[in-house]
Amino acid sequence: MTLTLRTISREQHLAYIQSLPAASHMQVPAWADVKAEWRSENLGWFDASGELVGAGLVLYRQVPKVKRYLAYLPEGPVINWFTPNLKDWLEPMLAHLKKQGAFTVKMGPPVVIRRWDAAAIKAGIQNQDVKRLREVEATHIEPRAFEVADQLRRMGWQQGEEGGAGFADVQPRYVFQVPLANRSLEEVHKGFNQLWRRNIKKAEKAGVEVVQGGYDDLAEWQRLYEITAERDRFTPRPLGYFQRMWKSLNSEDPNRMRLYFARHNGVNLSAATMLIVGGHVWYSYGASDNIGREVRPSNAMQWQMLQDAYKLDATVYDLRGISDSLDENDHLFGLIQFKVGTGGQAAEYLGEWDFPLSKVLQKAFDIAMSLRG
């Protein structure tokens, strides 16, 4: 296949994304505005007839004191990953990024390697000899994903020693998803475990109300989010980040980002952000107060978000990252324990890959990052 690559307009990029069943929210043009501290570029691949057949959002981060860049394509580019000749797509991209001053390239192929259904995960949790999800036999394996990995290695692309497991990548390699295609809402509800169904009913009986908020409600979101950050010991993003996300994404598509609250007796107890691109819907960020947990606001909110995703004709409801740890003593175990109750599937992506265009600068960058870490 003869392919040419060049910079395209945001309008061309968006039109291409809109022509697809789904794509990552990090590959829509407006994501560049969310990541305002990075320089951005929209790339397009064209076939011999001049038709746009692939696109990618590149974020450039300058290295201090040197006019060279880390080029990053989060959960992208959006190309035909299962082609037998990946180099026809990626070599022009590398050549272009090198001309733009990139010393290294990081990308995250949106390719799932394997999936585990809820029953397989539960069996793994109950097995004392199993500590990692990767030790559990997968319910579904995508053989073409291994071919993609082989092609990338042959081209010189690299992964870290852990192979991108857990949270070693910038974006999580393991995620949890609830399939919605070809299922009724009743089937989705029946897929929840007993605890989830009981908690949804408990919230309903207690009078928990789930409502959508708008831009002006982001300050209330931030209040709950900062309570969560203090409780779970992570550094919260500032309010300005979520305000920028709302304005940027919803100016591109008025239904790209939503905000949900679960409230009881007029008090907001839980909140979440939802992102929508085509048939893929993400539960993006979540927050909750330290009070009111007994009325199960988070379960009620997730069920409402799932129902709304279904009304949007979504094919998948994505609860985003999990660790691959099945060890009950691991501090990240609670993530998978909560999400597996939805009866969905854990999915392992191919992970993020790096291509050093300048080995000297790459080594200096790695040393700087390790010192910073």
Protein backbone atom coordinates (compact mmCIF):
# COMPACT_ATOMS: atom_id res chain seq x y z
CA MET A 1 0.00 0.00 0.00
CA THR A 2 1.27 3.47 -0.91
CA LEU A 3 0.63 5.93 1.89
CA THR A 4 1.57 9.56 2.33
CA LEU A 5 1.53 11.44 5.61
CA ARG A 6 1.06 15.16 6.18
CA THR A 7 -0.28 17.66 8.67
CA ILE A 8 -4.06 18.08 8.41
CA SER A 9 -6.51 20.63 9.78
CA ARG A 10 -8.47 20.06 12.97
CA GLU A 11 -11.64 20.02 10.84
CA GLN A 12 -10.28 17.20 8.66
CA HIS A 13 -9.15 15.30 11.74
CA LEU A 14 -12.53 15.66 13.49
CA ALA A 15 -14.46 14.65 10.36
CA TYR A 16 -12.34 11.48 10.13
CA ILE A 17 -12.93 10.61 13.83
CA GLN A 18 -16.67 11.19 13.36
CA SER A 19 -16.69 8.74 10.43
CA LEU A 20 -15.52 5.90 12.72
CA PRO A 21 -17.54 3.72 15.13
CA ALA A 22 -15.32 4.98 17.98
CA ALA A 23 -11.86 6.29 18.85
CA SER A 24 -10.03 7.26 22.03
CA HIS A 25 -11.04 10.58 23.61
CA MET A 26 -7.30 11.33 23.67
CA GLN A 27 -7.19 11.26 19.88
CA VAL A 28 -9.87 13.88 19.19
CA PRO A 29 -8.50 17.28 18.11
CA ALA A 30 -9.89 19.06 21.20
CA TRP A 31 -7.70 16.94 23.49
CA ALA A 32 -4.82 19.19 22.40
CA ASP A 33 -6.59 22.10 24.11
CA VAL A 34 -7.01 20.05 27.30
CA LYS A 35 -3.25 19.43 27.31
CA ALA A 36 -2.45 23.12 26.79
CA GLU A 37 1.12 22.78 28.13
CA TRP A 38 2.01 20.62 25.10
CA ARG A 39 2.41 21.75 21.49
CA SER A 40 0.18 19.73 19.18
CA GLU A 41 -0.14 18.61 15.58
CA ASN A 42 -2.82 16.73 13.64
CA LEU A 43 -1.44 14.08 11.29
CA GLY A 44 -3.25 12.39 8.41
CA TRP A 45 -2.45 9.32 6.33
CA PHE A 46 -3.66 9.34 2.72
CA ASP A 47 -3.92 6.44 0.28
CA ALA A 48 -2.99 6.52 -3.42
CA SER A 49 -6.39 7.97 -4.35
CA GLY A 50 -5.95 10.84 -1.87
CA GLU A 51 -8.48 9.57 0.65
CA LEU A 52 -7.79 10.18 4.35
CA VAL A 53 -7.43 6.68 5.86
CA GLY A 54 -5.83 7.37 9.26
CA ALA A 55 -5.24 10.20 11.74
CA GLY A 56 -3.22 10.95 14.83
CA LEU A 57 -3.02 13.66 17.47
CA VAL A 58 0.62 14.28 18.40
CA LEU A 59 1.53 16.13 21.59
CA TYR A 60 5.04 17.62 21.77
CA ARG A 61 6.76 18.28 25.11
CA GLN A 62 9.99 20.28 24.96
CA VAL A 63 13.03 19.08 26.88
CA PRO A 64 14.41 21.77 29.26
CA LYS A 65 17.31 23.79 27.79
CA VAL A 66 17.19 21.94 24.43
CA LYS A 67 14.89 22.60 21.49
CA ARG A 68 14.04 18.94 21.12
CA TYR A 69 10.77 17.21 21.91
CA LEU A 70 9.12 14.11 23.29
CA ALA A 71 6.38 13.28 20.75
CA TYR A 72 3.43 11.48 22.29
CA LEU A 73 0.37 9.92 20.65
CA PRO A 74 -1.86 8.89 23.60
CA GLU A 75 -3.97 5.83 22.74
CA GLY A 76 -3.13 6.37 19.09
CA PRO A 77 -2.59 6.90 16.26
CA VAL A 78 -5.97 5.92 14.76
CA ILE A 79 -4.82 3.68 11.91
CA ASN A 80 -5.32 0.13 10.64
CA TRP A 81 -3.26 -1.67 13.28
CA PHE A 82 -3.90 -5.12 11.84
CA THR A 83 -2.32 -4.41 8.47
CA PRO A 84 0.50 -6.84 7.55
CA ASN A 85 2.72 -3.86 6.68
CA LEU A 86 2.68 -1.58 9.71
CA LYS A 87 5.96 -0.01 8.64
CA ASP A 88 4.15 1.61 5.70
CA TRP A 89 2.18 3.57 8.30
CA LEU A 90 4.76 4.15 11.02
CA GLU A 91 7.97 4.85 9.10
CA PRO A 92 6.56 8.02 7.45
CA MET A 93 5.34 9.11 10.89
CA LEU A 94 8.78 8.65 12.46
CA ALA A 95 10.45 10.55 9.60
CA HIS A 96 7.99 13.40 9.99
CA LEU A 97 8.33 13.60 13.77
CA LYS A 98 12.13 13.62 13.49
CA LYS A 99 11.88 16.63 11.16
CA GLN A 100 9.69 18.31 13.77
CA GLY A 101 12.51 18.01 16.32
CA ALA A 102 11.38 14.92 18.22
CA PHE A 103 14.16 12.92 19.91
CA THR A 104 11.80 10.13 20.96
CA VAL A 105 8.28 8.98 20.15
CA LYS A 106 5.79 7.36 22.52
CA MET A 107 2.50 5.88 21.31
CA GLY A 108 -0.25 3.64 22.65
CA PRO A 109 -1.73 1.30 20.04
CA PRO A 110 -5.48 0.93 20.79
CA VAL A 111 -5.21 -2.83 20.40
CA VAL A 112 -6.59 -5.32 22.95
CA ILE A 113 -4.47 -8.45 23.48
CA ARG A 114 -6.74 -10.45 25.79
CA ARG A 115 -9.90 -10.25 27.86
CA TRP A 116 -11.07 -11.90 31.09
CA ASP A 117 -14.76 -12.12 31.98
CA ALA A 118 -15.97 -11.52 35.53
CA ALA A 119 -16.19 -15.25 36.35
CA ALA A 120 -12.54 -15.84 35.38
CA ILE A 121 -11.39 -12.87 37.48
CA LYS A 122 -13.40 -14.02 40.52
CA ALA A 123 -11.89 -17.50 40.21
CA GLY A 124 -8.43 -15.90 40.08
CA ILE A 125 -9.13 -13.83 43.20
CA GLN A 126 -10.26 -16.94 45.08
CA ASN A 127 -7.16 -18.90 44.05
CA GLN A 128 -4.49 -18.27 46.71
CA ASP A 129 -1.71 -19.15 44.25
CA VAL A 130 -2.73 -16.43 41.79
CA LYS A 131 -1.44 -12.91 42.43
CA ARG A 132 -1.72 -11.30 38.97
CA LEU A 133 -4.41 -11.10 36.32
CA ARG A 134 -1.89 -12.26 33.71
CA GLU A 135 -1.64 -15.57 35.63
CA VAL A 136 -5.34 -16.25 34.98
CA GLU A 137 -6.29 -18.02 31.74
CA ALA A 138 -7.86 -15.42 29.45
CA THR A 139 -11.46 -15.80 28.27
CA HIS A 140 -10.55 -14.36 24.86
CA ILE A 141 -7.18 -13.89 23.12
CA GLU A 142 -6.61 -11.71 20.03
CA PRO A 143 -3.81 -13.46 18.08
CA ARG A 144 -3.43 -10.51 15.69
CA ALA A 145 -2.32 -8.34 18.62
CA PHE A 146 0.81 -10.50 19.05
CA GLU A 147 1.56 -10.02 15.36
CA VAL A 148 1.34 -6.24 15.88
CA ALA A 149 3.81 -6.50 18.78
CA ASP A 150 6.19 -8.61 16.68
CA GLN A 151 6.10 -6.05 13.86
CA LEU A 152 6.80 -3.19 16.28
CA ARG A 153 9.81 -4.99 17.79
CA ARG A 154 11.23 -5.73 14.35
CA MET A 155 10.96 -2.04 13.50
CA GLY A 156 12.88 -1.05 16.64
CA TRP A 157 10.02 0.01 18.89
CA GLN A 158 10.66 -0.75 22.58
CA GLN A 159 8.73 -1.40 25.79
CA GLY A 160 9.92 -1.13 29.38
CA GLU A 161 11.04 -4.20 31.29
CA GLU A 162 7.59 -4.63 32.83
CA GLY A 163 6.05 -4.61 29.35
CA GLY A 164 3.71 -1.81 30.34
CA ALA A 165 1.96 -3.81 33.07
CA GLY A 166 -0.25 -2.11 35.60
CA PHE A 167 0.31 1.63 35.84
CA ALA A 168 3.87 1.65 34.45
CA ASP A 169 2.65 3.34 31.27
CA VAL A 170 1.37 6.89 31.08
CA GLN A 171 -2.05 5.40 30.25
CA PRO A 172 -3.22 2.20 31.99
CA ARG A 173 -2.58 -1.03 30.12
CA TYR A 174 -5.34 -2.86 31.99
CA VAL A 175 -8.88 -1.46 31.91
CA PHE A 176 -12.33 -2.69 32.86
CA GLN A 177 -15.19 -2.52 30.37
CA VAL A 178 -18.89 -3.42 30.34
CA PRO A 179 -19.96 -4.56 26.83
CA LEU A 180 -23.32 -3.08 25.79
CA ALA A 181 -23.63 -4.17 22.15
CA ASN A 182 -26.32 -6.79 21.49
CA ARG A 183 -27.41 -6.79 25.14
CA SER A 184 -30.57 -5.49 26.79
CA LEU A 185 -30.41 -3.25 29.87
CA GLU A 186 -32.02 -6.10 31.78
CA GLU A 187 -29.13 -8.38 30.78
CA VAL A 188 -26.62 -5.73 31.84
CA HIS A 189 -28.35 -5.41 35.24
CA LYS A 190 -28.47 -9.19 35.67
CA GLY A 191 -24.72 -9.25 34.99
CA PHE A 192 -24.06 -7.25 38.17
CA ASN A 193 -23.08 -9.33 41.15
CA GLN A 194 -25.43 -9.69 44.10
CA LEU A 195 -23.71 -6.94 46.12
CA TRP A 196 -24.01 -4.42 43.28
CA ARG A 197 -27.71 -5.19 42.73
CA ARG A 198 -28.36 -4.95 46.45
CA ASN A 199 -26.50 -1.61 46.71
CA ILE A 200 -28.42 -0.16 43.73
CA LYS A 201 -31.70 -1.16 45.40
CA LYS A 202 -30.52 0.25 48.75
CA ALA A 203 -29.71 3.61 47.12
CA GLU A 204 -33.10 3.65 45.41
CA LYS A 205 -34.96 2.94 48.68
CA ALA A 206 -32.95 5.63 50.49
CA GLY A 207 -34.00 8.18 47.85
CA VAL A 208 -30.58 8.77 46.28
CA GLU A 209 -31.00 11.03 43.24
CA VAL A 210 -28.60 11.02 40.30
CA VAL A 211 -28.47 14.26 38.30
CA GLN A 212 -26.32 15.82 35.59
CA GLY A 213 -24.40 19.01 36.26
CA GLY A 214 -22.93 21.70 34.03
CA TYR A 215 -19.90 23.95 33.84
CA ASP A 216 -20.99 25.99 36.88
CA ASP A 217 -21.11 22.80 38.97
CA LEU A 218 -17.42 22.00 38.46
CA ALA A 219 -16.53 23.82 41.69
CA GLU A 220 -18.76 21.35 43.57
CA TRP A 221 -17.11 18.51 41.65
CA GLN A 222 -13.72 19.85 42.77
CA ARG A 223 -14.82 19.86 46.43
CA LEU A 224 -15.63 16.14 46.30
CA TYR A 225 -12.56 15.37 44.18
CA GLU A 226 -10.21 17.02 46.68
CA ILE A 227 -11.82 15.09 49.55
CA THR A 228 -11.14 11.91 47.55
CA ALA A 229 -7.54 12.95 46.85
CA GLU A 230 -6.85 13.53 50.54
CA ARG A 231 -8.44 10.20 51.51
CA ASP A 232 -6.70 8.17 48.79
CA ARG A 233 -3.40 10.09 49.01
CA PHE A 234 -2.95 11.37 45.47
CA THR A 235 -2.29 14.86 44.11
CA PRO A 236 -5.50 16.28 42.65
CA ARG A 237 -5.68 18.15 39.37
CA PRO A 238 -6.70 21.82 39.81
CA LEU A 239 -10.21 23.07 39.07
CA GLY A 240 -8.84 24.90 36.02
CA TYR A 241 -7.96 21.57 34.38
CA PHE A 242 -11.57 20.35 34.51
CA GLN A 243 -12.90 23.73 33.41
CA ARG A 244 -10.55 23.63 30.41
CA MET A 245 -11.56 20.03 29.67
CA TRP A 246 -15.26 20.94 29.74
CA LYS A 247 -14.87 24.00 27.50
CA SER A 248 -12.49 22.32 25.04
CA LEU A 249 -14.30 19.01 24.59
CA ASN A 250 -17.84 20.39 24.58
CA SER A 251 -17.00 23.16 22.13
CA GLU A 252 -15.94 20.39 19.72
CA ASP A 253 -19.03 18.29 20.45
CA PRO A 254 -21.70 19.49 22.93
CA ASN A 255 -22.11 15.91 24.18
CA ARG A 256 -18.43 15.00 24.53
CA MET A 257 -18.20 15.46 28.32
CA ARG A 258 -20.83 15.08 31.04
CA LEU A 259 -20.81 15.61 34.80
CA TYR A 260 -22.88 13.48 37.20
CA PHE A 261 -23.76 13.84 40.88
CA ALA A 262 -25.40 11.36 43.26
CA ARG A 263 -27.15 13.25 46.05
CA HIS A 264 -29.10 12.37 49.17
CA ASN A 265 -31.35 14.84 51.01
CA GLY A 266 -29.96 17.60 48.78
CA VAL A 267 -26.30 16.84 49.61
CA ASN A 268 -23.93 15.71 46.84
CA LEU A 269 -22.15 12.55 47.97
CA SER A 270 -20.52 11.26 44.75
CA ALA A 271 -19.59 12.72 41.39
CA ALA A 272 -18.13 11.50 38.11
CA THR A 273 -17.16 12.74 34.68
CA MET A 274 -18.19 10.89 31.52
CA LEU A 275 -16.56 11.16 28.09
CA ILE A 276 -18.22 10.11 24.82
CA VAL A 277 -16.66 9.45 21.39
CA GLY A 278 -18.94 7.56 19.01
CA GLY A 279 -19.95 4.25 20.56
CA HIS A 280 -17.29 4.33 23.28
CA VAL A 281 -18.26 5.87 26.64
CA TRP A 282 -15.78 6.33 29.50
CA TYR A 283 -16.25 6.82 33.21
CA SER A 284 -13.30 9.18 33.37
CA TYR A 285 -12.86 10.64 36.88
CA GLY A 286 -14.70 9.76 40.08
CA ALA A 287 -15.05 11.44 43.46
CA SER A 288 -16.92 10.85 46.71
CA ASP A 289 -17.41 12.36 50.15
CA ASN A 290 -16.44 10.61 53.37
CA ILE A 291 -20.06 10.75 54.50
CA GLY A 292 -23.20 9.03 53.23
CA ARG A 293 -21.56 5.85 52.02
CA GLU A 294 -24.24 3.74 53.67
CA VAL A 295 -26.79 4.87 51.02
CA ARG A 296 -24.49 3.61 48.21
CA PRO A 297 -24.38 6.74 46.00
CA SER A 298 -21.54 5.47 43.80
CA ASN A 299 -23.43 2.33 42.76
CA ALA A 300 -26.53 4.39 41.96
CA MET A 301 -24.48 6.84 39.91
CA GLN A 302 -22.70 4.14 37.91
CA TRP A 303 -26.01 2.42 37.11
CA GLN A 304 -27.48 5.72 35.85
CA MET A 305 -24.37 6.42 33.76
CA LEU A 306 -24.56 2.93 32.29
CA GLN A 307 -28.23 3.43 31.40
CA ASP A 308 -27.42 6.78 29.78
CA ALA A 309 -24.55 5.22 27.82
CA TYR A 310 -26.98 2.56 26.61
CA LYS A 311 -29.44 5.28 25.46
CA LEU A 312 -26.57 6.82 23.48
CA ASP A 313 -26.24 3.48 21.58
CA ALA A 314 -22.81 2.94 23.12
CA THR A 315 -21.21 -0.41 22.41
CA VAL A 316 -19.00 -0.29 25.51
CA TYR A 317 -18.99 1.43 28.91
CA ASP A 318 -15.37 1.82 29.93
CA LEU A 319 -14.48 2.13 33.62
CA ARG A 320 -10.84 2.84 32.69
CA GLY A 321 -7.77 1.68 34.57
CA ILE A 322 -7.25 -1.19 36.94
CA SER A 323 -4.09 -2.78 38.29
CA ASP A 324 -3.44 -6.39 37.28
CA SER A 325 -3.00 -7.28 40.97
CA LEU A 326 -5.40 -9.86 42.41
CA ASP A 327 -3.69 -9.72 45.81
CA GLU A 328 -6.16 -8.56 48.47
CA ASN A 329 -3.29 -6.88 50.36
CA ASP A 330 -2.37 -4.68 47.38
CA HIS A 331 -3.59 -1.08 47.78
CA LEU A 332 -4.88 -1.14 44.16
CA PHE A 333 -6.92 -4.33 44.63
CA GLY A 334 -10.04 -2.34 45.55
CA LEU A 335 -10.20 -0.93 41.99
CA ILE A 336 -10.70 -4.30 40.34
CA GLN A 337 -12.89 -5.54 43.20
CA PHE A 338 -15.33 -2.63 42.73
CA LYS A 339 -15.37 -2.82 38.93
CA VAL A 340 -15.66 -6.60 38.60
CA GLY A 341 -19.02 -6.30 40.36
CA THR A 342 -20.47 -4.81 37.16
CA GLY A 343 -20.09 -8.21 35.47
CA GLY A 344 -17.94 -6.73 32.71
CA GLN A 345 -14.53 -7.71 31.38
CA ALA A 346 -10.94 -6.82 32.13
CA ALA A 347 -9.05 -5.97 28.95
CA GLU A 348 -5.30 -5.86 28.44
CA TYR A 349 -4.09 -3.44 25.78
CA LEU A 350 -0.81 -3.73 23.93
CA GLY A 351 0.64 -1.01 26.15
CA GLU A 352 2.76 1.99 25.24
CA TRP A 353 5.79 1.77 22.96
CA ASP A 354 8.81 4.03 22.52
CA PHE A 355 11.02 4.73 19.54
CA PRO A 356 14.27 6.60 20.34
CA LEU A 357 15.15 8.86 17.39
CA SER A 358 18.25 10.07 19.27
CA LYS A 359 19.70 7.44 21.60
CA VAL A 360 21.93 9.99 23.36
CA LEU A 361 19.05 12.34 24.20
CA GLN A 362 16.82 9.39 25.05
CA LYS A 363 19.34 8.11 27.59
CA ALA A 364 19.75 11.58 29.13
CA PHE A 365 15.96 11.93 29.30
CA ASP A 366 15.57 8.51 30.98
CA ILE A 367 18.20 9.43 33.59
CA ALA A 368 16.47 12.75 34.27
CA MET A 369 13.10 11.07 34.66
CA SER A 370 14.50 8.39 37.00
CA LEU A 371 16.09 11.10 39.19
CA ARG A 372 12.81 13.02 39.21
CA GLY A 373 10.90 9.83 40.11
